[in-house]
Amino acid sequence: MTDAPAGWGGPQEYTDAFLRPARRAVQDLCERRGGELESLTCEVVRGAAGEVVVAATTVMLFRGRRCVFRRGIWPPSHPAATRAAIYASVLEERLMTRVVPQLGDDASPVDL
């Protein structure tokens, strides 16, 4: 397992500390940009060398499309609140530049 800087806790503590501000930031993004948050979750996956990696995944409806954004949050490179703000900023940038409204009934999700 990768060690985090002192005071950041382990993967579970860091994930819990990340989710609180991330949920607020993504909900704010949805309100400002007209999206609808379906879910924001984190899951543990094994990295290539067997190390623990935690990925956050947001699923939301935006411009008539179901969008999925997944990004690693562990091992950490920033405090959890800063990482949450970066996560929401990158999500917003991807939504605004990669999601094109579809004509017709295209139900396939957009991977951001």
PDB file of N, CA and C in Angstrom:
ATOM      1  N   MET A   1       0.834  -1.179   0.000  1.00  0.00           N
ATOM      2  CA  MET A   1       0.000   0.000   0.000  1.00  0.00           C
ATOM      3  C   MET A   1       0.879   1.243   0.000  1.00  0.00           C
ATOM      4  N   THR A   2       0.482   2.249  -0.715  1.00  0.00           N
ATOM      5  CA  THR A   2       1.223   3.496  -0.776  1.00  0.00           C
ATOM      6  C   THR A   2       0.959   4.313   0.476  1.00  0.00           C
ATOM      7  N   ASP A   3       1.995   4.871   1.047  1.00  0.00           N
ATOM      8  CA  ASP A   3       1.835   5.701   2.231  1.00  0.00           C
ATOM      9  C   ASP A   3       1.471   7.122   1.825  1.00  0.00           C
ATOM     10  N   ALA A   4       0.549   7.699   2.578  1.00  0.00           N
ATOM     11  CA  ALA A   4       0.152   9.085   2.355  1.00  0.00           C
ATOM     12  C   ALA A   4       0.942   9.972   3.296  1.00  0.00           C
ATOM     13  N   PRO A   5       1.058  11.257   2.979  1.00  0.00           N
ATOM     14  CA  PRO A   5       1.708  12.171   3.899  1.00  0.00           C
ATOM     15  C   PRO A   5       1.001  12.147   5.261  1.00  0.00           C
ATOM     16  N   ALA A   6       1.741  12.432   6.300  1.00  0.00           N
ATOM     17  CA  ALA A   6       1.205  12.431   7.663  1.00  0.00           C
ATOM     18  C   ALA A   6      -0.044  13.303   7.745  1.00  0.00           C
ATOM     19  N   GLY A   7      -1.055  12.799   8.441  1.00  0.00           N
ATOM     20  CA  GLY A   7      -2.287  13.557   8.630  1.00  0.00           C
ATOM     21  C   GLY A   7      -3.351  13.302   7.581  1.00  0.00           C
ATOM     22  N   TRP A   8      -3.037  12.560   6.510  1.00  0.00           N
ATOM     23  CA  TRP A   8      -4.021  12.300   5.464  1.00  0.00           C
ATOM     24  C   TRP A   8      -4.762  10.996   5.700  1.00  0.00           C
ATOM     25  N   GLY A   9      -4.291  10.174   6.636  1.00  0.00           N
ATOM     26  CA  GLY A   9      -4.942   8.909   6.922  1.00  0.00           C
ATOM     27  C   GLY A   9      -4.683   7.895   5.827  1.00  0.00           C
ATOM     28  N   GLY A  10      -5.378   6.779   5.927  1.00  0.00           N
ATOM     29  CA  GLY A  10      -5.269   5.725   4.922  1.00  0.00           C
ATOM     30  C   GLY A  10      -6.298   5.918   3.828  1.00  0.00           C
ATOM     31  N   PRO A  11      -6.416   4.956   2.936  1.00  0.00           N
ATOM     32  CA  PRO A  11      -7.355   5.089   1.810  1.00  0.00           C
ATOM     33  C   PRO A  11      -8.795   5.353   2.246  1.00  0.00           C
ATOM     34  N   GLN A  12      -9.281   4.656   3.268  1.00  0.00           N
ATOM     35  CA  GLN A  12     -10.675   4.844   3.690  1.00  0.00           C
ATOM     36  C   GLN A  12     -10.897   6.234   4.278  1.00  0.00           C
ATOM     37  N   GLU A  13      -9.999   6.683   5.147  1.00  0.00           N
ATOM     38  CA  GLU A  13     -10.144   8.020   5.743  1.00  0.00           C
ATOM     39  C   GLU A  13     -10.050   9.106   4.675  1.00  0.00           C
ATOM     40  N   TYR A  14      -9.108   8.942   3.762  1.00  0.00           N
ATOM     41  CA  TYR A  14      -8.934   9.934   2.695  1.00  0.00           C
ATOM     42  C   TYR A  14     -10.167   9.966   1.794  1.00  0.00           C
ATOM     43  N   THR A  15     -10.692   8.784   1.458  1.00  0.00           N
ATOM     44  CA  THR A  15     -11.878   8.709   0.603  1.00  0.00           C
ATOM     45  C   THR A  15     -13.067   9.382   1.275  1.00  0.00           C
ATOM     46  N   ASP A  16     -13.274   9.120   2.556  1.00  0.00           N
ATOM     47  CA  ASP A  16     -14.368   9.769   3.287  1.00  0.00           C
ATOM     48  C   ASP A  16     -14.200  11.283   3.286  1.00  0.00           C
ATOM     49  N   ALA A  17     -12.972  11.745   3.516  1.00  0.00           N
ATOM     50  CA  ALA A  17     -12.697  13.190   3.526  1.00  0.00           C
ATOM     51  C   ALA A  17     -12.852  13.792   2.130  1.00  0.00           C
ATOM     52  N   PHE A  18     -12.598  13.037   1.088  1.00  0.00           N
ATOM     53  CA  PHE A  18     -12.764  13.493  -0.293  1.00  0.00           C
ATOM     54  C   PHE A  18     -14.241  13.601  -0.662  1.00  0.00           C
ATOM     55  N   LEU A  19     -15.031  12.594  -0.297  1.00  0.00           N
ATOM     56  CA  LEU A  19     -16.423  12.528  -0.751  1.00  0.00           C
ATOM     57  C   LEU A  19     -17.276  13.693  -0.270  1.00  0.00           C
ATOM     58  N   ARG A  20     -17.082  14.163   0.940  1.00  0.00           N
ATOM     59  CA  ARG A  20     -17.914  15.268   1.455  1.00  0.00           C
ATOM     60  C   ARG A  20     -17.791  16.522   0.581  1.00  0.00           C
ATOM     61  N   PRO A  21     -16.605  17.079   0.389  1.00  0.00           N
ATOM     62  CA  PRO A  21     -16.522  18.281  -0.456  1.00  0.00           C
ATOM     63  C   PRO A  21     -16.759  17.987  -1.935  1.00  0.00           C
ATOM     64  N   ALA A  22     -16.422  16.788  -2.385  1.00  0.00           N
ATOM     65  CA  ALA A  22     -16.642  16.446  -3.796  1.00  0.00           C
ATOM     66  C   ALA A  22     -18.134  16.425  -4.112  1.00  0.00           C
ATOM     67  N   ARG A  23     -18.931  15.826  -3.234  1.00  0.00           N
ATOM     68  CA  ARG A  23     -20.381  15.773  -3.456  1.00  0.00           C
ATOM     69  C   ARG A  23     -20.964  17.182  -3.519  1.00  0.00           C
ATOM     70  N   ARG A  24     -20.543  18.051  -2.593  1.00  0.00           N
ATOM     71  CA  ARG A  24     -21.026  19.443  -2.614  1.00  0.00           C
ATOM     72  C   ARG A  24     -20.620  20.137  -3.911  1.00  0.00           C
ATOM     73  N   ALA A  25     -19.371  19.949  -4.325  1.00  0.00           N
ATOM     74  CA  ALA A  25     -18.877  20.612  -5.538  1.00  0.00           C
ATOM     75  C   ALA A  25     -19.590  20.104  -6.781  1.00  0.00           C
ATOM     76  N   VAL A  26     -19.837  18.809  -6.870  1.00  0.00           N
ATOM     77  CA  VAL A  26     -20.513  18.253  -8.049  1.00  0.00           C
ATOM     78  C   VAL A  26     -21.985  18.659  -8.050  1.00  0.00           C
ATOM     79  N   GLN A  27     -22.630  18.685  -6.898  1.00  0.00           N
ATOM     80  CA  GLN A  27     -24.008  19.151  -6.838  1.00  0.00           C
ATOM     81  C   GLN A  27     -24.108  20.619  -7.247  1.00  0.00           C
ATOM     82  N   ASP A  28     -23.157  21.439  -6.812  1.00  0.00           N
ATOM     83  CA  ASP A  28     -23.116  22.838  -7.215  1.00  0.00           C
ATOM     84  C   ASP A  28     -22.928  22.948  -8.729  1.00  0.00           C
ATOM     85  N   LEU A  29     -22.042  22.136  -9.267  1.00  0.00           N
ATOM     86  CA  LEU A  29     -21.825  22.109 -10.715  1.00  0.00           C
ATOM     87  C   LEU A  29     -23.127  21.773 -11.443  1.00  0.00           C
ATOM     88  N   CYS A  30     -23.849  20.775 -10.961  1.00  0.00           N
ATOM     89  CA  CYS A  30     -25.119  20.393 -11.578  1.00  0.00           C
ATOM     90  C   CYS A  30     -26.111  21.553 -11.551  1.00  0.00           C
ATOM     91  N   GLU A  31     -26.200  22.245 -10.432  1.00  0.00           N
ATOM     92  CA  GLU A  31     -27.117  23.382 -10.320  1.00  0.00           C
ATOM     93  C   GLU A  31     -26.737  24.498 -11.284  1.00  0.00           C
ATOM     94  N   ARG A  32     -25.449  24.794 -11.387  1.00  0.00           N
ATOM     95  CA  ARG A  32     -24.995  25.884 -12.257  1.00  0.00           C
ATOM     96  C   ARG A  32     -25.105  25.555 -13.741  1.00  0.00           C
ATOM     97  N   ARG A  33     -24.881  24.289 -14.099  1.00  0.00           N
ATOM     98  CA  ARG A  33     -24.803  23.905 -15.508  1.00  0.00           C
ATOM     99  C   ARG A  33     -26.003  23.112 -16.014  1.00  0.00           C
ATOM    100  N   GLY A  34     -26.991  22.890 -15.149  1.00  0.00           N
ATOM    101  CA  GLY A  34     -28.202  22.213 -15.580  1.00  0.00           C
ATOM    102  C   GLY A  34     -28.086  20.702 -15.680  1.00  0.00           C
ATOM    103  N   GLY A  35     -27.243  20.112 -14.862  1.00  0.00           N
ATOM    104  CA  GLY A  35     -27.111  18.668 -14.853  1.00  0.00           C
ATOM    105  C   GLY A  35     -27.891  18.051 -13.714  1.00  0.00           C
ATOM    106  N   GLU A  36     -27.924  16.726 -13.695  1.00  0.00           N
ATOM    107  CA  GLU A  36     -28.588  15.997 -12.617  1.00  0.00           C
ATOM    108  C   GLU A  36     -27.664  14.877 -12.161  1.00  0.00           C
ATOM    109  N   LEU A  37     -27.220  14.955 -10.915  1.00  0.00           N
ATOM    110  CA  LEU A  37     -26.319  13.955 -10.357  1.00  0.00           C
ATOM    111  C   LEU A  37     -27.067  12.664 -10.087  1.00  0.00           C
ATOM    112  N   GLU A  38     -26.585  11.562 -10.655  1.00  0.00           N
ATOM    113  CA  GLU A  38     -27.133  10.239 -10.363  1.00  0.00           C
ATOM    114  C   GLU A  38     -26.365   9.606  -9.210  1.00  0.00           C
ATOM    115  N   SER A  39     -25.024   9.656  -9.282  1.00  0.00           N
ATOM    116  CA  SER A  39     -24.233   9.044  -8.218  1.00  0.00           C
ATOM    117  C   SER A  39     -22.813   9.579  -8.222  1.00  0.00           C
ATOM    118  N   LEU A  40     -22.203   9.517  -7.054  1.00  0.00           N
ATOM    119  CA  LEU A  40     -20.785   9.804  -6.873  1.00  0.00           C
ATOM    120  C   LEU A  40     -20.281   8.742  -5.910  1.00  0.00           C
ATOM    121  N   THR A  41     -19.442   7.848  -6.400  1.00  0.00           N
ATOM    122  CA  THR A  41     -18.971   6.728  -5.602  1.00  0.00           C
ATOM    123  C   THR A  41     -17.458   6.600  -5.712  1.00  0.00           C
ATOM    124  N   CYS A  42     -16.896   5.850  -4.787  1.00  0.00           N
ATOM    125  CA  CYS A  42     -15.475   5.528  -4.835  1.00  0.00           C
ATOM    126  C   CYS A  42     -15.331   4.019  -4.718  1.00  0.00           C
ATOM    127  N   GLU A  43     -14.349   3.480  -5.416  1.00  0.00           N
ATOM    128  CA  GLU A  43     -14.093   2.050  -5.319  1.00  0.00           C
ATOM    129  C   GLU A  43     -12.593   1.792  -5.310  1.00  0.00           C
ATOM    130  N   VAL A  44     -12.221   0.728  -4.615  1.00  0.00           N
ATOM    131  CA  VAL A  44     -10.825   0.320  -4.520  1.00  0.00           C
ATOM    132  C   VAL A  44     -10.545  -0.671  -5.641  1.00  0.00           C
ATOM    133  N   VAL A  45      -9.470  -0.413  -6.360  1.00  0.00           N
ATOM    134  CA  VAL A  45      -9.012  -1.331  -7.400  1.00  0.00           C
ATOM    135  C   VAL A  45      -7.525  -1.582  -7.159  1.00  0.00           C
ATOM    136  N   ARG A  46      -7.029  -2.645  -7.687  1.00  0.00           N
ATOM    137  CA  ARG A  46      -5.602  -2.958  -7.550  1.00  0.00           C
ATOM    138  C   ARG A  46      -4.843  -2.363  -8.726  1.00  0.00           C
ATOM    139  N   GLY A  47      -3.752  -1.679  -8.423  1.00  0.00           N
ATOM    140  CA  GLY A  47      -2.900  -1.119  -9.464  1.00  0.00           C
ATOM    141  C   GLY A  47      -2.050  -2.204 -10.095  1.00  0.00           C
ATOM    142  N   ALA A  48      -1.266  -1.837 -11.076  1.00  0.00           N
ATOM    143  CA  ALA A  48      -0.440  -2.783 -11.827  1.00  0.00           C
ATOM    144  C   ALA A  48       0.532  -3.542 -10.927  1.00  0.00           C
ATOM    145  N   ALA A  49       1.095  -2.886  -9.951  1.00  0.00           N
ATOM    146  CA  ALA A  49       2.070  -3.529  -9.066  1.00  0.00           C
ATOM    147  C   ALA A  49       1.416  -4.059  -7.792  1.00  0.00           C
ATOM    148  N   GLY A  50       0.078  -4.175  -7.790  1.00  0.00           N
ATOM    149  CA  GLY A  50      -0.625  -4.681  -6.624  1.00  0.00           C
ATOM    150  C   GLY A  50      -0.932  -3.639  -5.571  1.00  0.00           C
ATOM    151  N   GLU A  51      -0.590  -2.378  -5.831  1.00  0.00           N
ATOM    152  CA  GLU A  51      -0.858  -1.324  -4.855  1.00  0.00           C
ATOM    153  C   GLU A  51      -2.344  -0.964  -4.870  1.00  0.00           C
ATOM    154  N   VAL A  52      -2.793  -0.379  -3.776  1.00  0.00           N
ATOM    155  CA  VAL A  52      -4.183   0.048  -3.662  1.00  0.00           C
ATOM    156  C   VAL A  52      -4.369   1.354  -4.426  1.00  0.00           C
ATOM    157  N   VAL A  53      -5.396   1.390  -5.254  1.00  0.00           N
ATOM    158  CA  VAL A  53      -5.770   2.593  -5.995  1.00  0.00           C
ATOM    159  C   VAL A  53      -7.262   2.810  -5.737  1.00  0.00           C
ATOM    160  N   VAL A  54      -7.645   4.042  -5.427  1.00  0.00           N
ATOM    161  CA  VAL A  54      -9.055   4.373  -5.241  1.00  0.00           C
ATOM    162  C   VAL A  54      -9.460   5.310  -6.366  1.00  0.00           C
ATOM    163  N   ALA A  55     -10.572   4.968  -7.026  1.00  0.00           N
ATOM    164  CA  ALA A  55     -11.093   5.789  -8.116  1.00  0.00           C
ATOM    165  C   ALA A  55     -12.466   6.322  -7.735  1.00  0.00           C
ATOM    166  N   ALA A  56     -12.694   7.601  -8.007  1.00  0.00           N
ATOM    167  CA  ALA A  56     -14.003   8.223  -7.804  1.00  0.00           C
ATOM    168  C   ALA A  56     -14.718   8.227  -9.146  1.00  0.00           C
ATOM    169  N   THR A  57     -16.014   7.902  -9.126  1.00  0.00           N
ATOM    170  CA  THR A  57     -16.813   7.872 -10.350  1.00  0.00           C
ATOM    171  C   THR A  57     -18.083   8.682 -10.149  1.00  0.00           C
ATOM    172  N   THR A  58     -18.316   9.615 -11.057  1.00  0.00           N
ATOM    173  CA  THR A  58     -19.545  10.401 -11.073  1.00  0.00           C
ATOM    174  C   THR A  58     -20.362   9.984 -12.281  1.00  0.00           C
ATOM    175  N   VAL A  59     -21.645   9.777 -12.052  1.00  0.00           N
ATOM    176  CA  VAL A  59     -22.587   9.518 -13.137  1.00  0.00           C
ATOM    177  C   VAL A  59     -23.634  10.616 -13.052  1.00  0.00           C
ATOM    178  N   MET A  60     -23.847  11.313 -14.180  1.00  0.00           N
ATOM    179  CA  MET A  60     -24.814  12.397 -14.183  1.00  0.00           C
ATOM    180  C   MET A  60     -25.469  12.532 -15.549  1.00  0.00           C
ATOM    181  N   LEU A  61     -26.629  13.154 -15.556  1.00  0.00           N
ATOM    182  CA  LEU A  61     -27.318  13.477 -16.792  1.00  0.00           C
ATOM    183  C   LEU A  61     -26.965  14.912 -17.144  1.00  0.00           C
ATOM    184  N   PHE A  62     -26.548  15.121 -18.394  1.00  0.00           N
ATOM    185  CA  PHE A  62     -26.134  16.453 -18.817  1.00  0.00           C
ATOM    186  C   PHE A  62     -26.407  16.590 -20.307  1.00  0.00           C
ATOM    187  N   ARG A  63     -27.141  17.643 -20.677  1.00  0.00           N
ATOM    188  CA  ARG A  63     -27.479  17.898 -22.074  1.00  0.00           C
ATOM    189  C   ARG A  63     -28.106  16.675 -22.750  1.00  0.00           C
ATOM    190  N   GLY A  64     -28.967  16.014 -22.010  1.00  0.00           N
ATOM    191  CA  GLY A  64     -29.676  14.867 -22.561  1.00  0.00           C
ATOM    192  C   GLY A  64     -28.859  13.593 -22.646  1.00  0.00           C
ATOM    193  N   ARG A  65     -27.672  13.589 -22.086  1.00  0.00           N
ATOM    194  CA  ARG A  65     -26.795  12.410 -22.152  1.00  0.00           C
ATOM    195  C   ARG A  65     -26.431  11.956 -20.746  1.00  0.00           C
ATOM    196  N   ARG A  66     -26.250  10.661 -20.600  1.00  0.00           N
ATOM    197  CA  ARG A  66     -25.740  10.088 -19.348  1.00  0.00           C
ATOM    198  C   ARG A  66     -24.223  10.116 -19.450  1.00  0.00           C
ATOM    199  N   CYS A  67     -23.571  10.798 -18.517  1.00  0.00           N
ATOM    200  CA  CYS A  67     -22.123  10.991 -18.563  1.00  0.00           C
ATOM    201  C   CYS A  67     -21.467  10.287 -17.376  1.00  0.00           C
ATOM    202  N   VAL A  68     -20.315   9.679 -17.642  1.00  0.00           N
ATOM    203  CA  VAL A  68     -19.571   8.958 -16.614  1.00  0.00           C
ATOM    204  C   VAL A  68     -18.153   9.528 -16.572  1.00  0.00           C
ATOM    205  N   PHE A  69     -17.743   9.968 -15.386  1.00  0.00           N
ATOM    206  CA  PHE A  69     -16.405  10.525 -15.183  1.00  0.00           C
ATOM    207  C   PHE A  69     -15.726   9.741 -14.079  1.00  0.00           C
ATOM    208  N   ARG A  70     -14.571   9.180 -14.388  1.00  0.00           N
ATOM    209  CA  ARG A  70     -13.830   8.377 -13.413  1.00  0.00           C
ATOM    210  C   ARG A  70     -12.406   8.905 -13.336  1.00  0.00           C
ATOM    211  N   ARG A  71     -11.943   9.071 -12.092  1.00  0.00           N
ATOM    212  CA  ARG A  71     -10.595   9.605 -11.886  1.00  0.00           C
ATOM    213  C   ARG A  71     -10.037   9.038 -10.585  1.00  0.00           C
ATOM    214  N   GLY A  72      -8.769   8.667 -10.600  1.00  0.00           N
ATOM    215  CA  GLY A  72      -8.115   8.163  -9.406  1.00  0.00           C
ATOM    216  C   GLY A  72      -7.933   9.259  -8.370  1.00  0.00           C
ATOM    217  N   ILE A  73      -8.153   8.901  -7.103  1.00  0.00           N
ATOM    218  CA  ILE A  73      -7.937   9.870  -6.019  1.00  0.00           C
ATOM    219  C   ILE A  73      -6.929   9.362  -4.996  1.00  0.00           C
ATOM    220  N   TRP A  74      -6.583   8.077  -5.055  1.00  0.00           N
ATOM    221  CA  TRP A  74      -5.598   7.501  -4.134  1.00  0.00           C
ATOM    222  C   TRP A  74      -4.647   6.668  -4.946  1.00  0.00           C
ATOM    223  N   PRO A  75      -3.364   6.781  -4.780  1.00  0.00           N
ATOM    224  CA  PRO A  75      -2.682   7.540  -3.738  1.00  0.00           C
ATOM    225  C   PRO A  75      -2.819   9.046  -3.964  1.00  0.00           C
ATOM    226  N   PRO A  76      -2.855   9.798  -2.876  1.00  0.00           N
ATOM    227  CA  PRO A  76      -3.130  11.233  -2.957  1.00  0.00           C
ATOM    228  C   PRO A  76      -1.931  12.069  -3.386  1.00  0.00           C
ATOM    229  N   SER A  77      -2.248  13.135  -4.093  1.00  0.00           N
ATOM    230  CA  SER A  77      -1.230  14.114  -4.460  1.00  0.00           C
ATOM    231  C   SER A  77      -1.541  15.474  -3.827  1.00  0.00           C
ATOM    232  N   HIS A  78      -2.726  15.590  -3.233  1.00  0.00           N
ATOM    233  CA  HIS A  78      -3.182  16.825  -2.587  1.00  0.00           C
ATOM    234  C   HIS A  78      -4.046  16.443  -1.386  1.00  0.00           C
ATOM    235  N   PRO A  79      -4.257  17.374  -0.451  1.00  0.00           N
ATOM    236  CA  PRO A  79      -5.236  17.120   0.607  1.00  0.00           C
ATOM    237  C   PRO A  79      -6.606  16.817  -0.015  1.00  0.00           C
ATOM    238  N   ALA A  80      -7.433  16.072   0.688  1.00  0.00           N
ATOM    239  CA  ALA A  80      -8.705  15.594   0.139  1.00  0.00           C
ATOM    240  C   ALA A  80      -9.605  16.719  -0.376  1.00  0.00           C
ATOM    241  N   ALA A  81      -9.718  17.816   0.362  1.00  0.00           N
ATOM    242  CA  ALA A  81     -10.583  18.924  -0.073  1.00  0.00           C
ATOM    243  C   ALA A  81     -10.064  19.557  -1.358  1.00  0.00           C
ATOM    244  N   THR A  82      -8.758  19.685  -1.473  1.00  0.00           N
ATOM    245  CA  THR A  82      -8.160  20.236  -2.704  1.00  0.00           C
ATOM    246  C   THR A  82      -8.389  19.270  -3.858  1.00  0.00           C
ATOM    247  N   ARG A  83      -8.207  17.982  -3.595  1.00  0.00           N
ATOM    248  CA  ARG A  83      -8.423  16.968  -4.631  1.00  0.00           C
ATOM    249  C   ARG A  83      -9.878  16.989  -5.103  1.00  0.00           C
ATOM    250  N   ALA A  84     -10.829  17.197  -4.180  1.00  0.00           N
ATOM    251  CA  ALA A  84     -12.245  17.277  -4.537  1.00  0.00           C
ATOM    252  C   ALA A  84     -12.513  18.477  -5.446  1.00  0.00           C
ATOM    253  N   ALA A  85     -11.905  19.612  -5.145  1.00  0.00           N
ATOM    254  CA  ALA A  85     -12.084  20.806  -5.979  1.00  0.00           C
ATOM    255  C   ALA A  85     -11.502  20.576  -7.374  1.00  0.00           C
ATOM    256  N   ILE A  86     -10.346  19.947  -7.452  1.00  0.00           N
ATOM    257  CA  ILE A  86      -9.732  19.634  -8.750  1.00  0.00           C
ATOM    258  C   ILE A  86     -10.623  18.669  -9.518  1.00  0.00           C
ATOM    259  N   TYR A  87     -11.131  17.652  -8.848  1.00  0.00           N
ATOM    260  CA  TYR A  87     -12.012  16.664  -9.462  1.00  0.00           C
ATOM    261  C   TYR A  87     -13.222  17.351 -10.104  1.00  0.00           C
ATOM    262  N   ALA A  88     -13.883  18.234  -9.343  1.00  0.00           N
ATOM    263  CA  ALA A  88     -15.067  18.929  -9.856  1.00  0.00           C
ATOM    264  C   ALA A  88     -14.706  19.862 -11.012  1.00  0.00           C
ATOM    265  N   SER A  89     -13.555  20.514 -10.942  1.00  0.00           N
ATOM    266  CA  SER A  89     -13.130  21.416 -12.024  1.00  0.00           C
ATOM    267  C   SER A  89     -12.855  20.655 -13.317  1.00  0.00           C
ATOM    268  N   VAL A  90     -12.194  19.519 -13.212  1.00  0.00           N
ATOM    269  CA  VAL A  90     -11.911  18.711 -14.403  1.00  0.00           C
ATOM    270  C   VAL A  90     -13.212  18.147 -14.965  1.00  0.00           C
ATOM    271  N   LEU A  91     -14.117  17.707 -14.088  1.00  0.00           N
ATOM    272  CA  LEU A  91     -15.421  17.224 -14.539  1.00  0.00           C
ATOM    273  C   LEU A  91     -16.151  18.316 -15.312  1.00  0.00           C
ATOM    274  N   GLU A  92     -16.178  19.527 -14.784  1.00  0.00           N
ATOM    275  CA  GLU A  92     -16.857  20.634 -15.474  1.00  0.00           C
ATOM    276  C   GLU A  92     -16.230  20.907 -16.837  1.00  0.00           C
ATOM    277  N   GLU A  93     -14.912  20.936 -16.883  1.00  0.00           N
ATOM    278  CA  GLU A  93     -14.229  21.179 -18.165  1.00  0.00           C
ATOM    279  C   GLU A  93     -14.593  20.103 -19.177  1.00  0.00           C
ATOM    280  N   ARG A  94     -14.612  18.857 -18.761  1.00  0.00           N
ATOM    281  CA  ARG A  94     -14.951  17.758 -19.676  1.00  0.00           C
ATOM    282  C   ARG A  94     -16.409  17.843 -20.124  1.00  0.00           C
ATOM    283  N   LEU A  95     -17.302  18.176 -19.205  1.00  0.00           N
ATOM    284  CA  LEU A  95     -18.713  18.318 -19.578  1.00  0.00           C
ATOM    285  C   LEU A  95     -18.903  19.410 -20.619  1.00  0.00           C
ATOM    286  N   MET A  96     -18.229  20.530 -20.413  1.00  0.00           N
ATOM    287  CA  MET A  96     -18.432  21.689 -21.289  1.00  0.00           C
ATOM    288  C   MET A  96     -17.755  21.524 -22.651  1.00  0.00           C
ATOM    289  N   THR A  97     -16.759  20.659 -22.746  1.00  0.00           N
ATOM    290  CA  THR A  97     -16.041  20.535 -24.013  1.00  0.00           C
ATOM    291  C   THR A  97     -16.276  19.217 -24.749  1.00  0.00           C
ATOM    292  N   ARG A  98     -16.830  18.214 -24.074  1.00  0.00           N
ATOM    293  CA  ARG A  98     -16.944  16.900 -24.710  1.00  0.00           C
ATOM    294  C   ARG A  98     -18.359  16.368 -24.869  1.00  0.00           C
ATOM    295  N   VAL A  99     -19.345  17.020 -24.259  1.00  0.00           N
ATOM    296  CA  VAL A  99     -20.713  16.517 -24.345  1.00  0.00           C
ATOM    297  C   VAL A  99     -21.480  17.353 -25.352  1.00  0.00           C
ATOM    298  N   VAL A 100     -21.895  16.705 -26.420  1.00  0.00           N
ATOM    299  CA  VAL A 100     -22.647  17.366 -27.488  1.00  0.00           C
ATOM    300  C   VAL A 100     -24.080  16.843 -27.430  1.00  0.00           C
ATOM    301  N   PRO A 101     -25.064  17.744 -27.379  1.00  0.00           N
ATOM    302  CA  PRO A 101     -26.446  17.269 -27.378  1.00  0.00           C
ATOM    303  C   PRO A 101     -26.718  16.409 -28.607  1.00  0.00           C
ATOM    304  N   GLN A 102     -27.445  15.330 -28.405  1.00  0.00           N
ATOM    305  CA  GLN A 102     -27.727  14.399 -29.494  1.00  0.00           C
ATOM    306  C   GLN A 102     -29.130  14.609 -30.042  1.00  0.00           C
ATOM    307  N   LEU A 103     -29.259  14.473 -31.345  1.00  0.00           N
ATOM    308  CA  LEU A 103     -30.568  14.440 -31.964  1.00  0.00           C
ATOM    309  C   LEU A 103     -31.019  12.987 -31.954  1.00  0.00           C
ATOM    310  N   GLY A 104     -32.257  12.756 -31.721  1.00  0.00           N
ATOM    311  CA  GLY A 104     -32.718  11.377 -31.665  1.00  0.00           C
ATOM    312  C   GLY A 104     -32.591  10.822 -30.263  1.00  0.00           C
ATOM    313  N   ASP A 105     -32.645   9.512 -30.170  1.00  0.00           N
ATOM    314  CA  ASP A 105     -32.661   8.851 -28.868  1.00  0.00           C
ATOM    315  C   ASP A 105     -31.418   8.009 -28.690  1.00  0.00           C
ATOM    316  N   ASP A 106     -30.278   8.629 -28.453  1.00  0.00           N
ATOM    317  CA  ASP A 106     -29.022   7.906 -28.239  1.00  0.00           C
ATOM    318  C   ASP A 106     -28.832   7.753 -26.730  1.00  0.00           C
ATOM    319  N   ALA A 107     -28.981   6.528 -26.246  1.00  0.00           N
ATOM    320  CA  ALA A 107     -28.903   6.271 -24.808  1.00  0.00           C
ATOM    321  C   ALA A 107     -27.496   5.853 -24.360  1.00  0.00           C
ATOM    322  N   SER A 108     -26.528   5.832 -25.262  1.00  0.00           N
ATOM    323  CA  SER A 108     -25.199   5.386 -24.865  1.00  0.00           C
ATOM    324  C   SER A 108     -24.530   6.448 -23.991  1.00  0.00           C
ATOM    325  N   PRO A 109     -23.883   6.017 -22.895  1.00  0.00           N
ATOM    326  CA  PRO A 109     -23.237   6.982 -21.995  1.00  0.00           C
ATOM    327  C   PRO A 109     -21.990   7.590 -22.640  1.00  0.00           C
ATOM    328  N   VAL A 110     -21.677   8.782 -22.182  1.00  0.00           N
ATOM    329  CA  VAL A 110     -20.484   9.482 -22.626  1.00  0.00           C
ATOM    330  C   VAL A 110     -19.410   9.296 -21.548  1.00  0.00           C
ATOM    331  N   ASP A 111     -18.294   8.666 -21.898  1.00  0.00           N
ATOM    332  CA  ASP A 111     -17.181   8.542 -20.968  1.00  0.00           C
ATOM    333  C   ASP A 111     -16.348   9.809 -21.041  1.00  0.00           C
ATOM    334  N   LEU A 112     -16.221  10.461 -19.899  1.00  0.00           N
ATOM    335  CA  LEU A 112     -15.460  11.697 -19.855  1.00  0.00           C
ATOM    336  C   LEU A 112     -14.051  11.401 -19.410  1.00  0.00           C
TER     337      LEU A 112
END
